[in-house]
Amino acid sequence: MIDRKFVDRLVSQALKDSISRYVVAAVIANECLNVLLLERPRDEFLGGIYELPSGKVEEGESLLEALYRETREETGMNIRGIKEYLGYFDYLSKSKKKTRQFNFHVEVEDISQITLSEHSSYVWVSHEDLNKYRITDNVKNVLKKFWGF
């Protein structure tokens, strides 16, 4: 169950691993289990890469508060509930800070109304089409876990 205690354990482990910058990501699937990916603008850091709706956890904000906020900001959709925790991966941010991305499968209220604010486009990707898009190996691994591969 994903509750406050569970999230506190995730943060506690990250601190033990000397990581203090966190990002949360939402795996949003449609009825066919295709997953929403957003394309980063080409003139930005990692431009042209497709990624999950995600963003930095702000100071004083919990992982779950950030997940709800970032999903709404990046897609215009509101989370109805969190279905599953899909693990994490670590990477170096643009500013070379060690960062941990926590990934959650979420259910949203209305998947038909996508409003992009920070990305140039979006796609609904099936597991068969995963390799047709520029996606980092870390995100591919999260999606493979979601699809059960």
N, C-alpha and C. Protein backbone atom coordinates (compact mmCIF):
# COMPACT_ATOMS: atom_id res chain seq x y z
N MET A 1 0.84 -1.19 0.00
CA MET A 1 0.00 0.00 0.00
C MET A 1 0.88 1.25 0.00
N ILE A 2 0.48 2.22 -0.79
CA ILE A 2 1.26 3.44 -0.88
C ILE A 2 0.63 4.48 0.04
N ASP A 3 1.28 4.64 1.19
CA ASP A 3 0.80 5.59 2.18
C ASP A 3 1.99 6.42 2.68
N ARG A 4 1.73 7.25 3.64
CA ARG A 4 2.78 8.15 4.17
C ARG A 4 3.99 7.37 4.68
N LYS A 5 3.77 6.26 5.37
CA LYS A 5 4.88 5.45 5.90
C LYS A 5 5.73 4.89 4.77
N PHE A 6 5.08 4.40 3.73
CA PHE A 6 5.80 3.85 2.58
C PHE A 6 6.67 4.92 1.94
N VAL A 7 6.09 6.09 1.72
CA VAL A 7 6.83 7.20 1.09
C VAL A 7 7.97 7.66 1.99
N ASP A 8 7.74 7.70 3.29
CA ASP A 8 8.81 8.07 4.22
C ASP A 8 9.98 7.09 4.13
N ARG A 9 9.68 5.81 3.95
CA ARG A 9 10.75 4.80 3.80
C ARG A 9 11.54 5.03 2.51
N LEU A 10 10.86 5.41 1.44
CA LEU A 10 11.56 5.69 0.18
C LEU A 10 12.54 6.85 0.35
N VAL A 11 12.08 7.91 0.99
CA VAL A 11 12.93 9.09 1.20
C VAL A 11 14.07 8.75 2.15
N SER A 12 13.79 8.01 3.19
CA SER A 12 14.81 7.60 4.15
C SER A 12 15.92 6.81 3.47
N GLN A 13 15.54 5.89 2.59
CA GLN A 13 16.54 5.09 1.87
C GLN A 13 17.36 5.98 0.94
N ALA A 14 16.71 6.92 0.27
CA ALA A 14 17.44 7.83 -0.62
C ALA A 14 18.47 8.64 0.16
N LEU A 15 18.09 9.12 1.33
CA LEU A 15 19.02 9.87 2.17
C LEU A 15 20.21 8.99 2.58
N LYS A 16 19.94 7.74 2.92
CA LYS A 16 21.02 6.80 3.25
C LYS A 16 21.96 6.59 2.07
N ASP A 17 21.40 6.70 0.86
CA ASP A 17 22.18 6.54 -0.36
C ASP A 17 22.83 7.85 -0.81
N SER A 18 22.80 8.86 0.05
CA SER A 18 23.38 10.19 -0.21
C SER A 18 22.73 10.92 -1.38
N ILE A 19 21.43 10.74 -1.52
CA ILE A 19 20.68 11.44 -2.57
C ILE A 19 19.69 12.37 -1.89
N SER A 20 19.71 13.63 -2.29
CA SER A 20 18.81 14.60 -1.67
C SER A 20 17.96 15.36 -2.69
N ARG A 21 18.10 15.05 -3.98
CA ARG A 21 17.26 15.68 -5.01
C ARG A 21 16.35 14.60 -5.57
N TYR A 22 15.03 14.87 -5.55
CA TYR A 22 14.06 13.86 -5.95
C TYR A 22 13.19 14.35 -7.09
N VAL A 23 12.83 13.41 -7.93
CA VAL A 23 11.90 13.63 -9.03
C VAL A 23 10.84 12.54 -8.92
N VAL A 24 9.61 12.89 -9.24
CA VAL A 24 8.53 11.91 -9.29
C VAL A 24 8.02 11.81 -10.72
N ALA A 25 7.57 10.61 -11.10
CA ALA A 25 7.07 10.40 -12.45
C ALA A 25 5.78 9.58 -12.40
N ALA A 26 4.89 9.89 -13.34
CA ALA A 26 3.59 9.21 -13.43
C ALA A 26 3.54 8.34 -14.68
N VAL A 27 3.23 7.07 -14.48
CA VAL A 27 2.93 6.18 -15.59
C VAL A 27 1.41 6.21 -15.72
N ILE A 28 0.95 6.79 -16.83
CA ILE A 28 -0.48 6.93 -17.11
C ILE A 28 -0.78 6.05 -18.31
N ALA A 29 -1.71 5.10 -18.13
CA ALA A 29 -2.05 4.17 -19.21
C ALA A 29 -3.50 4.35 -19.62
N ASN A 30 -3.75 4.11 -20.91
CA ASN A 30 -5.13 4.13 -21.38
C ASN A 30 -5.72 2.72 -21.29
N GLU A 31 -6.94 2.55 -21.79
CA GLU A 31 -7.61 1.25 -21.67
C GLU A 31 -6.89 0.13 -22.43
N CYS A 32 -6.07 0.46 -23.40
CA CYS A 32 -5.29 -0.53 -24.15
C CYS A 32 -3.92 -0.78 -23.53
N LEU A 33 -3.65 -0.17 -22.38
CA LEU A 33 -2.37 -0.23 -21.67
C LEU A 33 -1.24 0.45 -22.43
N ASN A 34 -1.59 1.36 -23.34
CA ASN A 34 -0.57 2.23 -23.92
C ASN A 34 -0.26 3.31 -22.90
N VAL A 35 1.01 3.72 -22.85
CA VAL A 35 1.47 4.66 -21.82
C VAL A 35 1.75 6.03 -22.45
N LEU A 36 1.37 7.06 -21.72
CA LEU A 36 1.58 8.44 -22.16
C LEU A 36 3.04 8.83 -21.96
N LEU A 37 3.67 9.28 -23.05
CA LEU A 37 5.02 9.83 -22.99
C LEU A 37 5.01 11.23 -23.58
N LEU A 38 5.82 12.10 -23.00
CA LEU A 38 5.91 13.49 -23.43
C LEU A 38 7.27 13.74 -24.05
N GLU A 39 7.29 14.49 -25.16
CA GLU A 39 8.55 14.80 -25.84
C GLU A 39 9.11 16.12 -25.32
N ARG A 40 10.38 16.07 -24.88
CA ARG A 40 11.06 17.29 -24.43
C ARG A 40 11.34 18.19 -25.63
N PRO A 41 11.18 19.51 -25.46
CA PRO A 41 11.50 20.42 -26.56
C PRO A 41 12.95 20.22 -27.02
N ARG A 42 13.15 20.29 -28.31
CA ARG A 42 14.46 19.98 -28.91
C ARG A 42 15.58 20.91 -28.45
N ASP A 43 15.25 22.14 -28.06
CA ASP A 43 16.28 23.09 -27.66
C ASP A 43 16.59 23.06 -26.16
N GLU A 44 16.07 22.07 -25.44
CA GLU A 44 16.33 21.94 -24.00
C GLU A 44 17.28 20.79 -23.73
N PHE A 45 17.70 20.67 -22.46
CA PHE A 45 18.48 19.54 -21.98
C PHE A 45 17.75 18.25 -22.34
N LEU A 46 18.45 17.31 -22.96
CA LEU A 46 17.88 16.05 -23.44
C LEU A 46 16.73 16.26 -24.43
N GLY A 47 16.85 17.28 -25.25
CA GLY A 47 15.82 17.61 -26.22
C GLY A 47 15.51 16.46 -27.16
N GLY A 48 14.21 16.28 -27.45
CA GLY A 48 13.76 15.23 -28.36
C GLY A 48 13.54 13.88 -27.68
N ILE A 49 13.90 13.78 -26.43
CA ILE A 49 13.70 12.53 -25.69
C ILE A 49 12.25 12.47 -25.23
N TYR A 50 11.67 11.28 -25.28
CA TYR A 50 10.34 11.07 -24.72
C TYR A 50 10.49 10.58 -23.28
N GLU A 51 9.66 11.14 -22.41
CA GLU A 51 9.75 10.82 -20.99
C GLU A 51 8.37 10.71 -20.38
N LEU A 52 8.34 10.21 -19.18
CA LEU A 52 7.10 10.17 -18.41
C LEU A 52 6.78 11.57 -17.89
N PRO A 53 5.51 11.88 -17.67
CA PRO A 53 5.21 13.13 -16.98
C PRO A 53 5.93 13.10 -15.62
N SER A 54 6.76 14.08 -15.38
CA SER A 54 7.61 14.02 -14.19
C SER A 54 8.10 15.41 -13.82
N GLY A 55 8.64 15.51 -12.61
CA GLY A 55 9.20 16.77 -12.19
C GLY A 55 9.79 16.70 -10.80
N LYS A 56 10.49 17.75 -10.49
CA LYS A 56 11.23 17.86 -9.22
C LYS A 56 10.29 18.04 -8.03
N VAL A 57 10.65 17.40 -6.94
CA VAL A 57 9.95 17.59 -5.68
C VAL A 57 10.49 18.87 -5.05
N GLU A 58 9.60 19.81 -4.78
CA GLU A 58 9.99 21.09 -4.21
C GLU A 58 10.23 20.97 -2.71
N GLU A 59 11.00 21.89 -2.16
CA GLU A 59 11.27 21.90 -0.72
C GLU A 59 9.96 21.98 0.07
N GLY A 60 9.84 21.13 1.08
CA GLY A 60 8.66 21.11 1.93
C GLY A 60 7.49 20.32 1.36
N GLU A 61 7.69 19.73 0.20
CA GLU A 61 6.64 18.99 -0.48
C GLU A 61 6.92 17.49 -0.36
N SER A 62 5.89 16.69 -0.15
CA SER A 62 6.07 15.24 -0.11
C SER A 62 6.16 14.69 -1.53
N LEU A 63 6.63 13.46 -1.67
CA LEU A 63 6.69 12.83 -2.99
C LEU A 63 5.30 12.80 -3.63
N LEU A 64 4.30 12.44 -2.85
CA LEU A 64 2.96 12.31 -3.41
C LEU A 64 2.35 13.67 -3.77
N GLU A 65 2.60 14.68 -2.97
CA GLU A 65 2.13 16.02 -3.33
C GLU A 65 2.76 16.46 -4.65
N ALA A 66 4.04 16.20 -4.81
CA ALA A 66 4.74 16.56 -6.05
C ALA A 66 4.20 15.76 -7.24
N LEU A 67 3.89 14.49 -7.01
CA LEU A 67 3.35 13.65 -8.08
C LEU A 67 2.03 14.21 -8.60
N TYR A 68 1.14 14.57 -7.69
CA TYR A 68 -0.14 15.14 -8.09
C TYR A 68 0.07 16.48 -8.82
N ARG A 69 0.92 17.33 -8.27
CA ARG A 69 1.16 18.66 -8.85
C ARG A 69 1.80 18.55 -10.23
N GLU A 70 2.87 17.78 -10.33
CA GLU A 70 3.59 17.67 -11.60
C GLU A 70 2.74 17.04 -12.70
N THR A 71 1.94 16.05 -12.34
CA THR A 71 1.06 15.44 -13.35
C THR A 71 0.07 16.47 -13.88
N ARG A 72 -0.50 17.24 -12.98
CA ARG A 72 -1.46 18.28 -13.39
C ARG A 72 -0.76 19.35 -14.23
N GLU A 73 0.44 19.79 -13.79
CA GLU A 73 1.15 20.85 -14.53
C GLU A 73 1.57 20.39 -15.92
N GLU A 74 2.03 19.16 -16.05
CA GLU A 74 2.59 18.72 -17.33
C GLU A 74 1.57 18.15 -18.31
N THR A 75 0.40 17.71 -17.80
CA THR A 75 -0.58 17.08 -18.67
C THR A 75 -1.96 17.72 -18.61
N GLY A 76 -2.21 18.51 -17.56
CA GLY A 76 -3.55 19.05 -17.35
C GLY A 76 -4.50 18.05 -16.71
N MET A 77 -4.02 16.86 -16.39
CA MET A 77 -4.87 15.81 -15.83
C MET A 77 -4.70 15.72 -14.31
N ASN A 78 -5.78 15.37 -13.64
CA ASN A 78 -5.75 15.18 -12.20
C ASN A 78 -5.69 13.69 -11.86
N ILE A 79 -4.86 13.35 -10.92
CA ILE A 79 -4.73 11.96 -10.48
C ILE A 79 -5.94 11.60 -9.61
N ARG A 80 -6.54 10.47 -9.93
CA ARG A 80 -7.64 9.93 -9.13
C ARG A 80 -7.10 9.03 -8.03
N GLY A 81 -6.04 8.30 -8.34
CA GLY A 81 -5.45 7.40 -7.36
C GLY A 81 -4.12 6.84 -7.83
N ILE A 82 -3.36 6.35 -6.87
CA ILE A 82 -2.06 5.73 -7.18
C ILE A 82 -2.26 4.22 -7.10
N LYS A 83 -1.94 3.55 -8.19
CA LYS A 83 -2.19 2.12 -8.28
C LYS A 83 -1.00 1.27 -7.83
N GLU A 84 0.23 1.78 -8.11
CA GLU A 84 1.39 0.93 -7.88
C GLU A 84 2.67 1.77 -7.89
N TYR A 85 3.61 1.36 -7.06
CA TYR A 85 4.96 1.94 -7.10
C TYR A 85 5.79 1.07 -8.03
N LEU A 86 6.45 1.69 -9.00
CA LEU A 86 7.21 0.95 -10.01
C LEU A 86 8.72 1.07 -9.85
N GLY A 87 9.17 1.51 -8.69
CA GLY A 87 10.59 1.56 -8.43
C GLY A 87 11.19 2.92 -8.77
N TYR A 88 12.51 2.95 -8.68
CA TYR A 88 13.24 4.20 -8.90
C TYR A 88 14.46 3.94 -9.76
N PHE A 89 15.05 5.03 -10.23
CA PHE A 89 16.37 4.99 -10.83
C PHE A 89 17.08 6.28 -10.49
N ASP A 90 18.40 6.23 -10.50
CA ASP A 90 19.24 7.39 -10.18
C ASP A 90 19.93 7.90 -11.44
N TYR A 91 20.16 9.20 -11.48
CA TYR A 91 20.87 9.81 -12.60
C TYR A 91 21.45 11.15 -12.16
N LEU A 92 22.32 11.71 -13.00
CA LEU A 92 22.86 13.04 -12.74
C LEU A 92 22.02 14.06 -13.51
N SER A 93 21.56 15.08 -12.80
CA SER A 93 20.76 16.12 -13.42
C SER A 93 21.64 17.00 -14.31
N LYS A 94 21.00 17.92 -15.00
CA LYS A 94 21.72 18.88 -15.84
C LYS A 94 22.79 19.61 -15.04
N SER A 95 22.48 19.91 -13.77
CA SER A 95 23.43 20.61 -12.90
C SER A 95 24.37 19.64 -12.17
N LYS A 96 24.37 18.38 -12.61
CA LYS A 96 25.27 17.33 -12.09
C LYS A 96 24.94 16.92 -10.65
N LYS A 97 23.68 17.10 -10.25
CA LYS A 97 23.26 16.64 -8.92
C LYS A 97 22.75 15.22 -9.02
N LYS A 98 23.17 14.40 -8.07
CA LYS A 98 22.68 13.03 -8.02
C LYS A 98 21.19 13.07 -7.68
N THR A 99 20.38 12.50 -8.56
CA THR A 99 18.93 12.60 -8.47
C THR A 99 18.31 11.21 -8.50
N ARG A 100 17.25 11.04 -7.72
CA ARG A 100 16.49 9.79 -7.73
C ARG A 100 15.10 10.07 -8.25
N GLN A 101 14.71 9.32 -9.28
CA GLN A 101 13.35 9.43 -9.82
C GLN A 101 12.51 8.27 -9.32
N PHE A 102 11.41 8.61 -8.62
CA PHE A 102 10.46 7.64 -8.10
C PHE A 102 9.30 7.54 -9.10
N ASN A 103 8.94 6.33 -9.50
CA ASN A 103 7.96 6.12 -10.56
C ASN A 103 6.71 5.42 -10.03
N PHE A 104 5.55 6.01 -10.35
CA PHE A 104 4.28 5.51 -9.85
C PHE A 104 3.29 5.32 -10.99
N HIS A 105 2.59 4.19 -10.99
CA HIS A 105 1.49 3.98 -11.92
C HIS A 105 0.27 4.66 -11.30
N VAL A 106 -0.31 5.61 -12.02
CA VAL A 106 -1.44 6.37 -11.50
C VAL A 106 -2.65 6.23 -12.40
N GLU A 107 -3.81 6.47 -11.81
CA GLU A 107 -5.05 6.54 -12.56
C GLU A 107 -5.48 8.00 -12.54
N VAL A 108 -5.82 8.52 -13.71
CA VAL A 108 -6.24 9.93 -13.80
C VAL A 108 -7.74 10.01 -14.06
N GLU A 109 -8.29 11.19 -13.80
CA GLU A 109 -9.73 11.38 -13.93
C GLU A 109 -10.21 11.32 -15.37
N ASP A 110 -9.48 11.93 -16.30
CA ASP A 110 -9.93 12.00 -17.70
C ASP A 110 -8.71 12.00 -18.61
N ILE A 111 -8.45 10.87 -19.27
CA ILE A 111 -7.25 10.78 -20.12
C ILE A 111 -7.45 11.43 -21.48
N SER A 112 -8.66 11.86 -21.79
CA SER A 112 -8.89 12.43 -23.12
C SER A 112 -8.50 13.90 -23.22
N GLN A 113 -8.27 14.55 -22.10
CA GLN A 113 -7.96 15.99 -22.12
C GLN A 113 -6.51 16.22 -21.69
N ILE A 114 -5.60 16.18 -22.65
CA ILE A 114 -4.19 16.40 -22.36
C ILE A 114 -3.83 17.83 -22.76
N THR A 115 -3.28 18.56 -21.80
CA THR A 115 -2.84 19.92 -22.05
C THR A 115 -1.36 20.00 -21.73
N LEU A 116 -0.54 20.22 -22.74
CA LEU A 116 0.90 20.30 -22.55
C LEU A 116 1.32 21.72 -22.20
N SER A 117 2.22 21.83 -21.21
CA SER A 117 2.72 23.15 -20.84
C SER A 117 4.24 23.24 -20.98
N GLU A 118 4.92 22.11 -20.93
CA GLU A 118 6.39 22.12 -20.93
C GLU A 118 6.99 21.23 -22.02
N HIS A 119 6.17 20.53 -22.77
CA HIS A 119 6.66 19.58 -23.77
C HIS A 119 6.12 19.94 -25.14
N SER A 120 6.79 19.44 -26.19
CA SER A 120 6.39 19.81 -27.54
C SER A 120 5.32 18.89 -28.11
N SER A 121 5.25 17.65 -27.65
CA SER A 121 4.22 16.73 -28.15
C SER A 121 4.08 15.57 -27.18
N TYR A 122 3.12 14.71 -27.47
CA TYR A 122 2.93 13.50 -26.67
C TYR A 122 2.55 12.34 -27.57
N VAL A 123 2.76 11.13 -27.06
CA VAL A 123 2.36 9.91 -27.75
C VAL A 123 1.83 8.91 -26.72
N TRP A 124 0.96 8.03 -27.18
CA TRP A 124 0.55 6.87 -26.38
C TRP A 124 1.33 5.70 -26.95
N VAL A 125 2.19 5.11 -26.16
CA VAL A 125 3.12 4.08 -26.64
C VAL A 125 2.72 2.70 -26.13
N SER A 126 2.68 1.75 -27.04
CA SER A 126 2.45 0.35 -26.68
C SER A 126 3.80 -0.32 -26.45
N HIS A 127 3.79 -1.46 -25.80
CA HIS A 127 5.07 -2.14 -25.58
C HIS A 127 5.68 -2.58 -26.91
N GLU A 128 4.85 -2.83 -27.93
CA GLU A 128 5.40 -3.20 -29.24
C GLU A 128 6.14 -2.05 -29.91
N ASP A 129 5.73 -0.81 -29.62
CA ASP A 129 6.32 0.37 -30.27
C ASP A 129 7.37 1.08 -29.43
N LEU A 130 7.72 0.50 -28.31
CA LEU A 130 8.63 1.15 -27.36
C LEU A 130 9.94 1.59 -28.01
N ASN A 131 10.49 0.78 -28.91
CA ASN A 131 11.79 1.10 -29.51
C ASN A 131 11.71 2.04 -30.70
N LYS A 132 10.53 2.51 -31.03
CA LYS A 132 10.37 3.46 -32.13
C LYS A 132 10.62 4.90 -31.69
N TYR A 133 10.76 5.11 -30.38
CA TYR A 133 10.91 6.46 -29.83
C TYR A 133 12.22 6.58 -29.07
N ARG A 134 12.74 7.81 -29.01
CA ARG A 134 13.95 8.07 -28.22
C ARG A 134 13.55 8.14 -26.75
N ILE A 135 13.85 7.07 -26.03
CA ILE A 135 13.50 6.94 -24.62
C ILE A 135 14.73 6.43 -23.90
N THR A 136 15.02 6.98 -22.74
CA THR A 136 16.19 6.50 -22.00
C THR A 136 15.97 5.06 -21.55
N ASP A 137 17.08 4.35 -21.35
CA ASP A 137 17.00 2.97 -20.88
C ASP A 137 16.30 2.89 -19.52
N ASN A 138 16.54 3.88 -18.66
CA ASN A 138 15.89 3.89 -17.35
C ASN A 138 14.37 3.91 -17.48
N VAL A 139 13.85 4.77 -18.34
CA VAL A 139 12.40 4.85 -18.52
C VAL A 139 11.89 3.58 -19.19
N LYS A 140 12.63 3.06 -20.16
CA LYS A 140 12.23 1.79 -20.79
C LYS A 140 12.09 0.69 -19.73
N ASN A 141 13.02 0.65 -18.79
CA ASN A 141 12.96 -0.38 -17.75
C ASN A 141 11.73 -0.21 -16.86
N VAL A 142 11.37 1.03 -16.54
CA VAL A 142 10.16 1.28 -15.75
C VAL A 142 8.94 0.78 -16.53
N LEU A 143 8.89 1.08 -17.82
CA LEU A 143 7.74 0.67 -18.63
C LEU A 143 7.69 -0.85 -18.77
N LYS A 144 8.82 -1.48 -18.91
CA LYS A 144 8.84 -2.94 -18.99
C LYS A 144 8.32 -3.56 -17.69
N LYS A 145 8.66 -2.96 -16.58
CA LYS A 145 8.13 -3.44 -15.30
C LYS A 145 6.61 -3.25 -15.28
N PHE A 146 6.14 -2.10 -15.73
CA PHE A 146 4.70 -1.84 -15.77
C PHE A 146 3.99 -2.90 -16.62
N TRP A 147 4.55 -3.21 -17.79
CA TRP A 147 3.94 -4.18 -18.69
C TRP A 147 4.22 -5.63 -18.29
N GLY A 148 5.06 -5.83 -17.29
CA GLY A 148 5.33 -7.18 -16.80
C GLY A 148 6.38 -7.95 -17.58
N PHE A 149 7.33 -7.23 -18.18
CA PHE A 149 8.40 -7.90 -18.94
C PHE A 149 9.68 -7.95 -18.15
